[in-house]
Amino acid sequence: METWQVLGVGLGLALLLISIPFLNFIFSYLLIVIHELGHAFTAWIFGYPAIPAFDFIFGGGVTSIGDRVGGLVVFIYCCIAFLLYSVRFNPFALKFLGGLSLLYSVFSFFPIHRSLRTFMGHGFELIFAGIFLYRGISGFACQHSGERSLYAMLSFFTVFNNFYLSGSLIFSESARVIYEQGKGGIIDSDFVVLANQFQVSVSSIAAFFILCCLITPAIAFLFYFYRSWWGDILLRITSNVN
């Protein structure tokens, strides 16, 4: 099946899922799982114990995040040190991992990591949407040709749902009011938390996220078209690892 056919079938299936309320409801739970895992994963890598779960009271999901544990941060830096030691004979990998370690440290020791932890709920959804789309257009690790269309479907479904949420927060005052109420008036929604942290409106955060939704497919296609280049970089990073 040609790539354009894969994308066409995936797009059609995604629109079908969205147009049928029951199917939209069922598949939305996949997004909830990914969303909460995004919060939990980001919390853990910055030293905050976190447990993702479904919210059976208000619906959707919720991630319980504890206080920062110094031992976790020390453990993460031990892992970083081990990785750096493993690539000590590979100058390229050493510089690459060193740069990532420096970036991690900047996020870790400044309040920006809290914003990243909040953003990575929806952010994780878009990361998976990009991965799904890449697998759809490339056929990477697909055993059957039909899998490519299913991956494309999941990607379009994820992007469309996030695009719709962001658009409604910009153009619908009633949707924005409901969203800003949070869960039972107790738990603030992600974009509300981010808006408070950056001292901007919820609409501004939503507008930024629409941009993220638009960029996601472009990044997936760039990874596909330059896959040999990325493969060379990965090979250079993993060579001479002890």
Protein backbone atom coordinates (compact mmCIF):
# COMPACT_ATOMS: atom_id res chain seq x y z
CA MET A 1 0.00 0.00 0.00
CA GLU A 2 1.35 3.42 -0.98
CA THR A 3 2.04 5.97 1.74
CA TRP A 4 -0.69 8.34 0.53
CA GLN A 5 -3.17 5.45 0.66
CA VAL A 6 -2.10 4.62 4.20
CA LEU A 7 -2.61 8.22 5.26
CA GLY A 8 -5.95 8.43 3.47
CA VAL A 9 -7.30 5.28 5.11
CA GLY A 10 -5.95 6.37 8.50
CA LEU A 11 -7.53 9.80 8.14
CA GLY A 12 -10.88 8.30 7.16
CA LEU A 13 -10.85 5.88 10.10
CA ALA A 14 -9.90 8.67 12.51
CA LEU A 15 -12.80 10.83 11.30
CA LEU A 16 -15.09 7.82 11.69
CA LEU A 17 -13.97 7.32 15.30
CA ILE A 18 -14.54 10.98 16.09
CA SER A 19 -17.98 11.07 14.46
CA ILE A 20 -19.31 8.04 16.38
CA PRO A 21 -19.67 9.02 20.07
CA PHE A 22 -19.31 5.49 21.44
CA LEU A 23 -16.09 4.80 19.52
CA ASN A 24 -14.77 8.25 20.36
CA PHE A 25 -15.43 7.54 24.04
CA ILE A 26 -13.72 4.13 23.92
CA PHE A 27 -10.61 5.34 22.13
CA SER A 28 -10.39 8.45 24.31
CA TYR A 29 -9.30 6.17 27.15
CA LEU A 30 -6.14 5.41 25.20
CA LEU A 31 -5.39 9.13 25.28
CA ILE A 32 -6.14 9.24 29.01
CA VAL A 33 -3.62 6.45 29.66
CA ILE A 34 -0.94 8.16 27.55
CA HIS A 35 -1.74 11.55 29.11
CA GLU A 36 -1.36 10.37 32.70
CA LEU A 37 1.73 8.34 31.89
CA GLY A 38 3.23 11.56 30.51
CA HIS A 39 2.67 13.35 33.82
CA ALA A 40 3.98 10.38 35.82
CA PHE A 41 7.06 9.75 33.65
CA THR A 42 8.11 13.40 33.75
CA ALA A 43 7.54 13.57 37.49
CA TRP A 44 9.68 10.49 38.14
CA ILE A 45 12.66 11.67 36.06
CA PHE A 46 12.74 14.87 38.12
CA GLY A 47 12.57 13.01 41.42
CA TYR A 48 8.84 13.12 42.21
CA PRO A 49 7.11 9.79 42.94
CA ALA A 50 3.92 9.67 40.88
CA ILE A 51 1.07 7.22 40.33
CA PRO A 52 -1.20 7.59 37.26
CA ALA A 53 -4.79 6.40 37.56
CA PHE A 54 -8.26 6.73 36.11
CA ASP A 55 -10.50 9.23 37.86
CA PHE A 56 -13.74 7.40 38.62
CA ILE A 57 -15.26 10.40 40.39
CA PHE A 58 -14.95 13.25 37.90
CA GLY A 59 -13.93 11.21 34.86
CA GLY A 60 -10.76 11.15 32.82
CA GLY A 61 -7.55 10.52 34.67
CA VAL A 62 -5.48 11.89 37.51
CA THR A 63 -1.85 11.49 38.52
CA SER A 64 -0.97 11.67 42.19
CA ILE A 65 2.44 13.33 42.56
CA GLY A 66 4.34 13.29 45.84
CA ASP A 67 7.04 15.55 47.21
CA ARG A 68 10.47 15.50 45.64
CA VAL A 69 12.76 12.76 46.94
CA GLY A 70 16.43 13.63 46.98
CA GLY A 71 17.43 9.98 46.70
CA LEU A 72 15.65 9.70 43.36
CA VAL A 73 17.54 12.69 42.00
CA VAL A 74 20.83 11.18 43.18
CA PHE A 75 19.90 7.86 41.53
CA ILE A 76 19.14 9.63 38.23
CA TYR A 77 22.51 11.38 38.30
CA CYS A 78 24.18 8.04 39.04
CA CYS A 79 22.51 6.65 35.92
CA ILE A 80 23.73 9.66 33.94
CA ALA A 81 27.25 9.15 35.27
CA PHE A 82 27.13 5.48 34.28
CA LEU A 83 26.01 6.36 30.74
CA LEU A 84 28.78 8.94 30.41
CA TYR A 85 31.32 6.40 31.64
CA SER A 86 30.01 3.81 29.17
CA VAL A 87 30.65 6.12 26.20
CA ARG A 88 33.95 7.54 27.47
CA PHE A 89 35.77 6.30 24.34
CA ASN A 90 33.20 7.86 21.99
CA PRO A 91 33.74 11.65 21.83
CA PHE A 92 30.57 12.23 19.81
CA ALA A 93 28.37 10.29 22.24
CA LEU A 94 30.12 11.92 25.19
CA LYS A 95 29.32 15.40 23.87
CA PHE A 96 25.76 14.42 22.99
CA LEU A 97 24.96 12.87 26.38
CA GLY A 98 26.84 15.66 28.13
CA GLY A 99 24.63 18.22 26.41
CA LEU A 100 21.50 16.31 27.39
CA SER A 101 22.77 16.07 30.97
CA LEU A 102 23.33 19.82 31.09
CA LEU A 103 19.85 20.46 29.70
CA TYR A 104 18.37 18.07 32.26
CA SER A 105 20.19 19.88 35.07
CA VAL A 106 18.85 23.25 33.93
CA PHE A 107 15.30 21.91 34.01
CA SER A 108 15.84 19.97 37.22
CA PHE A 109 17.15 22.80 39.39
CA PHE A 110 14.82 25.53 38.16
CA PRO A 111 11.01 25.76 38.54
CA ILE A 112 10.56 25.21 34.79
CA HIS A 113 10.51 21.45 35.41
CA ARG A 114 7.15 21.84 37.15
CA SER A 115 5.74 23.45 34.02
CA LEU A 116 7.22 20.66 31.91
CA ARG A 117 5.66 18.10 34.23
CA THR A 118 2.26 19.71 33.70
CA PHE A 119 2.68 20.16 29.95
CA MET A 120 3.81 16.61 29.32
CA GLY A 121 0.32 15.20 29.78
CA HIS A 122 -0.83 16.59 26.45
CA GLY A 123 2.78 16.67 25.30
CA PHE A 124 3.08 12.90 25.70
CA GLU A 125 -0.05 12.48 23.61
CA LEU A 126 1.57 14.40 20.77
CA ILE A 127 4.84 12.47 21.13
CA PHE A 128 2.92 9.22 20.71
CA ALA A 129 0.96 10.74 17.83
CA GLY A 130 4.27 11.48 16.12
CA ILE A 131 5.53 7.94 16.77
CA PHE A 132 2.27 6.46 15.47
CA LEU A 133 2.43 8.59 12.32
CA TYR A 134 6.08 7.69 11.71
CA ARG A 135 5.26 4.00 11.94
CA GLY A 136 2.32 4.56 9.63
CA ILE A 137 4.31 6.25 6.87
CA SER A 138 7.47 4.15 7.26
CA GLY A 139 6.05 0.75 8.16
CA PHE A 140 8.73 0.48 10.85
CA ALA A 141 8.25 -2.70 12.94
CA CYS A 142 4.90 -3.42 11.22
CA GLN A 143 4.25 -7.11 10.54
CA HIS A 144 1.23 -6.53 8.29
CA SER A 145 0.48 -3.70 5.87
CA GLY A 146 -2.84 -3.00 7.60
CA GLU A 147 -0.99 -1.96 10.75
CA ARG A 148 0.28 1.15 8.99
CA SER A 149 -3.24 2.51 8.48
CA LEU A 150 -4.13 1.73 12.10
CA TYR A 151 -1.09 3.65 13.33
CA ALA A 152 -2.01 6.57 11.06
CA MET A 153 -5.56 6.42 12.42
CA LEU A 154 -4.35 6.61 16.02
CA SER A 155 -2.07 9.52 15.15
CA PHE A 156 -4.80 11.55 13.44
CA PHE A 157 -7.27 10.72 16.21
CA THR A 158 -4.84 11.96 18.86
CA VAL A 159 -3.93 15.17 17.03
CA PHE A 160 -7.56 15.98 16.15
CA ASN A 161 -8.70 15.53 19.76
CA ASN A 162 -5.99 17.83 21.07
CA PHE A 163 -6.59 20.31 18.26
CA TYR A 164 -10.32 20.36 19.06
CA LEU A 165 -9.68 20.93 22.77
CA SER A 166 -7.31 23.81 22.10
CA GLY A 167 -9.58 25.36 19.49
CA SER A 168 -12.60 25.23 21.78
CA LEU A 169 -10.64 26.98 24.53
CA ILE A 170 -9.79 29.79 22.13
CA PHE A 171 -13.09 30.30 20.33
CA SER A 172 -15.76 29.08 22.78
CA GLU A 173 -16.24 31.08 25.96
CA SER A 174 -18.58 28.46 27.43
CA ALA A 175 -16.04 25.68 26.82
CA ARG A 176 -13.33 27.82 28.39
CA VAL A 177 -15.46 28.54 31.48
CA ILE A 178 -16.19 24.85 31.97
CA TYR A 179 -12.52 23.95 31.48
CA GLU A 180 -11.36 26.60 33.94
CA GLN A 181 -13.61 25.12 36.62
CA GLY A 182 -11.36 22.07 36.66
CA LYS A 183 -12.41 18.83 38.30
CA GLY A 184 -15.10 19.48 40.85
CA GLY A 185 -13.59 22.90 41.50
CA ILE A 186 -10.73 21.11 43.28
CA ILE A 187 -8.14 20.12 40.67
CA ASP A 188 -7.08 22.68 38.07
CA SER A 189 -6.82 21.57 34.45
CA ASP A 190 -3.38 21.46 32.85
CA PHE A 191 -3.71 24.57 30.72
CA VAL A 192 -5.03 26.53 33.70
CA VAL A 193 -1.99 25.52 35.76
CA LEU A 194 0.34 26.53 32.92
CA ALA A 195 -1.49 29.83 32.41
CA ASN A 196 -1.06 30.65 36.11
CA GLN A 197 2.62 29.70 36.07
CA PHE A 198 3.42 31.85 33.04
CA GLN A 199 0.95 34.63 33.90
CA VAL A 200 -0.90 34.39 30.58
CA SER A 201 -4.44 33.50 29.54
CA VAL A 202 -5.68 29.96 28.99
CA SER A 203 -6.34 30.95 25.38
CA SER A 204 -2.66 31.79 24.94
CA ILE A 205 -1.61 28.37 26.21
CA ALA A 206 -4.19 26.76 23.92
CA ALA A 207 -2.88 28.74 20.94
CA PHE A 208 0.65 27.54 21.67
CA PHE A 209 -0.61 23.97 21.86
CA ILE A 210 -2.39 24.28 18.51
CA LEU A 211 1.03 25.15 17.10
CA CYS A 212 2.40 22.00 18.74
CA CYS A 213 -0.40 19.97 17.13
CA LEU A 214 0.50 21.36 13.71
CA ILE A 215 4.22 20.75 14.19
CA THR A 216 3.81 17.12 15.28
CA PRO A 217 3.03 15.65 11.82
CA ALA A 218 5.77 17.80 10.27
CA ILE A 219 8.33 16.38 12.71
CA ALA A 220 7.18 12.82 11.95
CA PHE A 221 7.65 13.42 8.23
CA LEU A 222 11.07 15.01 8.80
CA PHE A 223 12.16 11.95 10.76
CA TYR A 224 10.94 9.80 7.88
CA PHE A 225 12.63 11.75 5.09
CA TYR A 226 15.89 12.07 7.04
CA ARG A 227 15.77 8.61 8.62
CA SER A 228 19.17 7.63 7.19
CA TRP A 229 20.72 10.72 8.79
CA TRP A 230 19.13 9.95 12.16
CA GLY A 231 20.27 6.35 11.78
CA ASP A 232 23.85 7.49 11.27
CA ILE A 233 23.66 9.66 14.38
CA LEU A 234 22.29 6.77 16.44
CA LEU A 235 25.05 4.52 15.13
CA ARG A 236 27.69 7.08 16.08
CA ILE A 237 26.22 7.38 19.58
CA THR A 238 26.07 3.62 20.23
CA SER A 239 29.47 2.71 18.79
CA ASN A 240 32.37 1.94 21.15
CA VAL A 241 30.04 1.56 24.14
CA ASN A 242 31.60 -0.39 27.00
